[in-house]
């Protein structure tokens, strides 16, 4: 009777460890996804700034173009 109880206790302990690790993975994935969203917003803002600068540069260079 001792060995089946020991096996059940080890099984419960193993499931508990897996549950804790699953929670840790879930929290890290949420943190990573928030960082990805922040990086995406920064890239979008930088892209808009670059596009505006390119338009201004194109306007300035259009009048200086050799003929």
N, C-alpha and C. Protein backbone atom coordinates (compact mmCIF):
# COMPACT_ATOMS: atom_id res chain seq x y z
N UNK A 1 0.82 -1.20 0.00
CA UNK A 1 0.00 0.00 0.00
C UNK A 1 0.86 1.26 0.00
N UNK A 2 2.08 1.13 0.46
CA UNK A 2 2.96 2.29 0.51
C UNK A 2 3.37 2.74 -0.90
N UNK A 3 3.70 1.79 -1.78
CA UNK A 3 4.17 2.16 -3.12
C UNK A 3 3.11 2.85 -3.97
N UNK A 4 1.87 2.41 -3.96
CA UNK A 4 0.86 3.15 -4.74
C UNK A 4 0.65 4.57 -4.22
N UNK A 5 0.69 4.75 -2.91
CA UNK A 5 0.53 6.10 -2.35
C UNK A 5 1.73 6.97 -2.72
N UNK A 6 2.91 6.38 -2.72
CA UNK A 6 4.12 7.09 -3.11
C UNK A 6 4.04 7.49 -4.59
N UNK A 7 3.56 6.60 -5.43
CA UNK A 7 3.43 6.89 -6.86
C UNK A 7 2.40 8.00 -7.09
N UNK A 8 1.30 7.98 -6.35
CA UNK A 8 0.29 9.03 -6.48
C UNK A 8 0.85 10.37 -6.03
N UNK A 9 1.60 10.37 -4.94
CA UNK A 9 2.20 11.61 -4.44
C UNK A 9 3.20 12.17 -5.46
N UNK A 10 4.02 11.30 -6.05
CA UNK A 10 4.97 11.76 -7.06
C UNK A 10 4.25 12.28 -8.30
N UNK A 11 3.18 11.63 -8.69
CA UNK A 11 2.39 12.11 -9.83
C UNK A 11 1.80 13.48 -9.56
N UNK A 12 1.26 13.67 -8.36
CA UNK A 12 0.71 14.98 -7.99
C UNK A 12 1.80 16.03 -7.96
N UNK A 13 2.96 15.69 -7.43
CA UNK A 13 4.08 16.62 -7.39
C UNK A 13 4.53 16.99 -8.81
N UNK A 14 4.58 16.02 -9.69
CA UNK A 14 4.96 16.29 -11.08
C UNK A 14 3.97 17.21 -11.77
N UNK A 15 2.69 16.98 -11.55
CA UNK A 15 1.67 17.86 -12.15
C UNK A 15 1.75 19.27 -11.57
N UNK A 16 2.05 19.37 -10.29
CA UNK A 16 2.19 20.68 -9.66
C UNK A 16 3.36 21.45 -10.28
N UNK A 17 4.47 20.77 -10.48
CA UNK A 17 5.63 21.42 -11.10
C UNK A 17 5.30 21.86 -12.52
N UNK A 18 4.62 21.02 -13.27
CA UNK A 18 4.23 21.39 -14.63
C UNK A 18 3.28 22.58 -14.64
N UNK A 19 2.37 22.64 -13.68
CA UNK A 19 1.44 23.77 -13.60
C UNK A 19 2.18 25.07 -13.31
N UNK A 20 3.14 25.01 -12.40
CA UNK A 20 3.92 26.22 -12.07
C UNK A 20 4.71 26.68 -13.30
N UNK A 21 5.32 25.74 -14.00
CA UNK A 21 6.08 26.10 -15.19
C UNK A 21 5.17 26.65 -16.28
N UNK A 22 3.98 26.12 -16.41
CA UNK A 22 3.04 26.62 -17.41
C UNK A 22 2.63 28.06 -17.10
N UNK A 23 2.44 28.37 -15.84
CA UNK A 23 2.09 29.74 -15.45
C UNK A 23 3.26 30.68 -15.76
N UNK A 24 4.48 30.24 -15.48
CA UNK A 24 5.64 31.08 -15.77
C UNK A 24 5.79 31.33 -17.26
N UNK A 25 5.57 30.31 -18.07
CA UNK A 25 5.64 30.47 -19.53
C UNK A 25 4.56 31.43 -20.00
N UNK A 26 3.35 31.30 -19.47
CA UNK A 26 2.26 32.18 -19.85
C UNK A 26 2.59 33.64 -19.54
N UNK A 27 3.15 33.89 -18.36
CA UNK A 27 3.50 35.27 -17.99
C UNK A 27 4.61 35.83 -18.88
N UNK A 28 5.59 35.01 -19.21
CA UNK A 28 6.67 35.46 -20.09
C UNK A 28 6.16 35.74 -21.50
N UNK A 29 5.23 34.94 -21.97
CA UNK A 29 4.66 35.18 -23.30
C UNK A 29 3.88 36.48 -23.32
N UNK A 30 3.15 36.77 -22.26
CA UNK A 30 2.42 38.05 -22.19
C UNK A 30 3.38 39.22 -22.18
N UNK A 31 4.49 39.09 -21.43
CA UNK A 31 5.48 40.17 -21.37
C UNK A 31 6.13 40.36 -22.74
N UNK A 32 6.46 39.27 -23.39
CA UNK A 32 7.06 39.35 -24.72
C UNK A 32 6.10 39.97 -25.73
N UNK A 33 4.84 39.62 -25.66
CA UNK A 33 3.88 40.17 -26.62
C UNK A 33 3.70 41.66 -26.41
N UNK A 34 3.75 42.13 -25.16
CA UNK A 34 3.64 43.58 -24.93
C UNK A 34 4.87 44.30 -25.47
N UNK A 35 6.05 43.68 -25.38
CA UNK A 35 7.25 44.28 -25.94
C UNK A 35 7.19 44.29 -27.46
N UNK A 36 6.62 43.27 -28.06
CA UNK A 36 6.47 43.24 -29.52
C UNK A 36 5.53 44.34 -29.98
N UNK A 37 4.46 44.56 -29.24
CA UNK A 37 3.52 45.63 -29.59
C UNK A 37 4.21 46.98 -29.50
N UNK A 38 4.98 47.19 -28.45
CA UNK A 38 5.70 48.46 -28.28
C UNK A 38 6.70 48.66 -29.42
N UNK A 39 7.45 47.63 -29.77
CA UNK A 39 8.42 47.73 -30.86
C UNK A 39 7.71 48.00 -32.19
N UNK A 40 6.58 47.38 -32.39
CA UNK A 40 5.82 47.61 -33.62
C UNK A 40 5.35 49.06 -33.73
N UNK A 41 4.90 49.61 -32.63
CA UNK A 41 4.48 51.02 -32.64
C UNK A 41 5.66 51.94 -32.91
N UNK A 42 6.82 51.63 -32.33
CA UNK A 42 8.01 52.46 -32.57
C UNK A 42 8.44 52.36 -34.03
N UNK A 43 8.38 51.17 -34.61
CA UNK A 43 8.76 51.00 -36.02
C UNK A 43 7.79 51.76 -36.91
N UNK A 44 6.51 51.73 -36.60
CA UNK A 44 5.52 52.46 -37.38
C UNK A 44 5.77 53.96 -37.32
N UNK A 45 6.08 54.47 -36.13
CA UNK A 45 6.37 55.89 -35.98
C UNK A 45 7.64 56.27 -36.74
N UNK A 46 8.67 55.44 -36.66
CA UNK A 46 9.91 55.73 -37.38
C UNK A 46 9.68 55.68 -38.88
N UNK A 47 8.85 54.77 -39.34
CA UNK A 47 8.54 54.67 -40.76
C UNK A 47 7.82 55.93 -41.25
N UNK A 48 6.90 56.42 -40.45
CA UNK A 48 6.19 57.65 -40.82
C UNK A 48 7.14 58.84 -40.86
N UNK A 49 8.05 58.92 -39.89
CA UNK A 49 9.04 60.00 -39.89
C UNK A 49 9.95 59.92 -41.11
N UNK A 50 10.37 58.72 -41.45
CA UNK A 50 11.24 58.52 -42.61
C UNK A 50 10.51 58.89 -43.90
N UNK A 51 9.25 58.53 -43.99
CA UNK A 51 8.48 58.87 -45.18
C UNK A 51 8.32 60.37 -45.32
N UNK A 52 8.06 61.06 -44.21
CA UNK A 52 7.92 62.52 -44.25
C UNK A 52 9.25 63.16 -44.65
N UNK A 53 10.34 62.66 -44.14
CA UNK A 53 11.64 63.21 -44.49
C UNK A 53 11.96 62.96 -45.96
N UNK A 54 11.57 61.81 -46.47
CA UNK A 54 11.83 61.50 -47.87
C UNK A 54 11.02 62.40 -48.79
N UNK A 55 9.81 62.72 -48.40
CA UNK A 55 8.97 63.61 -49.22
C UNK A 55 9.59 65.00 -49.25
N UNK A 56 10.04 65.48 -48.09
CA UNK A 56 10.67 66.80 -48.04
C UNK A 56 11.95 66.82 -48.87
N UNK A 57 12.74 65.77 -48.78
CA UNK A 57 13.97 65.69 -49.56
C UNK A 57 13.67 65.64 -51.05
N UNK A 58 12.65 64.93 -51.43
CA UNK A 58 12.28 64.85 -52.85
C UNK A 58 11.83 66.21 -53.37
N UNK A 59 11.09 66.95 -52.55
CA UNK A 59 10.67 68.30 -52.97
C UNK A 59 11.87 69.21 -53.13
N UNK A 60 12.81 69.13 -52.18
CA UNK A 60 13.98 69.99 -52.24
C UNK A 60 14.87 69.62 -53.42
N UNK A 61 14.99 68.37 -53.73
CA UNK A 61 15.83 67.94 -54.83
C UNK A 61 15.20 68.12 -56.19
N UNK A 62 13.90 68.26 -56.24
CA UNK A 62 13.21 68.39 -57.53
C UNK A 62 13.59 69.69 -58.20
N UNK A 63 13.76 70.76 -57.45
CA UNK A 63 14.11 72.05 -58.03
C UNK A 63 15.56 72.14 -58.40
N UNK A 64 16.41 71.28 -57.93
CA UNK A 64 17.85 71.36 -58.18
C UNK A 64 18.26 70.39 -59.28
N UNK A 65 17.35 69.61 -59.78
CA UNK A 65 17.65 68.59 -60.77
C UNK A 65 18.27 69.20 -62.05
N UNK A 66 19.39 68.65 -62.51
CA UNK A 66 20.00 69.19 -63.75
C UNK A 66 19.15 68.85 -64.97
N UNK A 67 19.27 69.70 -66.00
CA UNK A 67 18.45 69.48 -67.20
C UNK A 67 19.27 69.22 -68.41
